Amino acid sequence: MLLLMLEALGALLLLVFIVWWTMFSGRDRGEPAARDAASPPSERQNEKNE
């Protein structure tokens, strides 16, 4: 029974690690701000040029 619980805990930790890795591995500063995510790309480009 103990071995089964350890295996389940290991699988859960692996799942959490995979989710964390896929969420934050490709971004320099984590999730984008809500303002950046809500505006269309054309508006974000105009803000950078001004």
C-alpha atoms as a PDB file:
ATOM      1  CA  MET A   1       0.000   0.000   0.000  1.00  0.00           C
ATOM      2  CA  LEU A   2       2.859   2.371   0.832  1.00  0.00           C
ATOM      3  CA  LEU A   3       4.457   1.724  -2.555  1.00  0.00           C
ATOM      4  CA  LEU A   4       1.187   2.547  -4.307  1.00  0.00           C
ATOM      5  CA  MET A   5       0.903   5.856  -2.427  1.00  0.00           C
ATOM      6  CA  LEU A   6       4.500   6.769  -3.259  1.00  0.00           C
ATOM      7  CA  GLU A   7       3.882   6.029  -6.920  1.00  0.00           C
ATOM      8  CA  ALA A   8       0.743   8.183  -6.923  1.00  0.00           C
ATOM      9  CA  LEU A   9       2.635  11.023  -5.216  1.00  0.00           C
ATOM     10  CA  GLY A  10       5.430  10.761  -7.771  1.00  0.00           C
ATOM     11  CA  ALA A  11       2.945  10.888 -10.648  1.00  0.00           C
ATOM     12  CA  LEU A  12       1.247  13.947  -9.126  1.00  0.00           C
ATOM     13  CA  LEU A  13       4.559  15.755  -8.671  1.00  0.00           C
ATOM     14  CA  LEU A  14       5.526  14.943 -12.242  1.00  0.00           C
ATOM     15  CA  LEU A  15       2.216  16.322 -13.516  1.00  0.00           C
ATOM     16  CA  VAL A  16       2.625  19.545 -11.532  1.00  0.00           C
ATOM     17  CA  PHE A  17       6.189  19.953 -12.831  1.00  0.00           C
ATOM     18  CA  ILE A  18       5.119  19.434 -16.458  1.00  0.00           C
ATOM     19  CA  VAL A  19       2.300  21.979 -16.135  1.00  0.00           C
ATOM     20  CA  TRP A  20       4.618  24.513 -14.483  1.00  0.00           C
ATOM     21  CA  TRP A  21       7.311  23.980 -17.118  1.00  0.00           C
ATOM     22  CA  THR A  22       4.929  24.432 -20.049  1.00  0.00           C
ATOM     23  CA  MET A  23       3.417  27.573 -18.552  1.00  0.00           C
ATOM     24  CA  PHE A  24       6.611  29.472 -17.768  1.00  0.00           C
ATOM     25  CA  SER A  25       9.545  28.018 -19.717  1.00  0.00           C
ATOM     26  CA  GLY A  26       9.292  30.253 -22.805  1.00  0.00           C
ATOM     27  CA  ARG A  27       8.643  33.614 -21.184  1.00  0.00           C
ATOM     28  CA  ASP A  28      11.238  35.983 -19.771  1.00  0.00           C
ATOM     29  CA  ARG A  29       8.968  37.562 -17.162  1.00  0.00           C
ATOM     30  CA  GLY A  30       6.157  35.011 -16.735  1.00  0.00           C
ATOM     31  CA  GLU A  31       2.605  35.736 -17.818  1.00  0.00           C
ATOM     32  CA  PRO A  32       1.926  38.935 -19.806  1.00  0.00           C
ATOM     33  CA  ALA A  33       0.048  41.731 -18.050  1.00  0.00           C
ATOM     34  CA  ALA A  34      -3.729  41.727 -18.444  1.00  0.00           C
ATOM     35  CA  ARG A  35      -3.594  44.994 -20.421  1.00  0.00           C
ATOM     36  CA  ASP A  36      -1.200  43.487 -22.974  1.00  0.00           C
ATOM     37  CA  ALA A  37      -3.236  40.306 -23.360  1.00  0.00           C
ATOM     38  CA  ALA A  38      -6.544  42.169 -23.854  1.00  0.00           C
ATOM     39  CA  SER A  39      -5.444  44.545 -26.606  1.00  0.00           C
ATOM     40  CA  PRO A  40      -5.101  43.438 -30.231  1.00  0.00           C
ATOM     41  CA  PRO A  41      -1.539  43.086 -31.604  1.00  0.00           C
ATOM     42  CA  SER A  42      -1.914  46.139 -33.860  1.00  0.00           C
ATOM     43  CA  GLU A  43      -2.578  48.392 -30.850  1.00  0.00           C
ATOM     44  CA  ARG A  44       0.411  46.962 -28.972  1.00  0.00           C
ATOM     45  CA  GLN A  45       2.637  47.686 -31.991  1.00  0.00           C
ATOM     46  CA  ASN A  46       1.372  51.286 -32.144  1.00  0.00           C
ATOM     47  CA  GLU A  47       2.142  51.764 -28.431  1.00  0.00           C
ATOM     48  CA  LYS A  48       5.735  50.635 -28.937  1.00  0.00           C
ATOM     49  CA  ASN A  49       6.276  53.032 -31.854  1.00  0.00           C
ATOM     50  CA  GLU A  50       5.095  56.107 -29.974  1.00  0.00           C
END
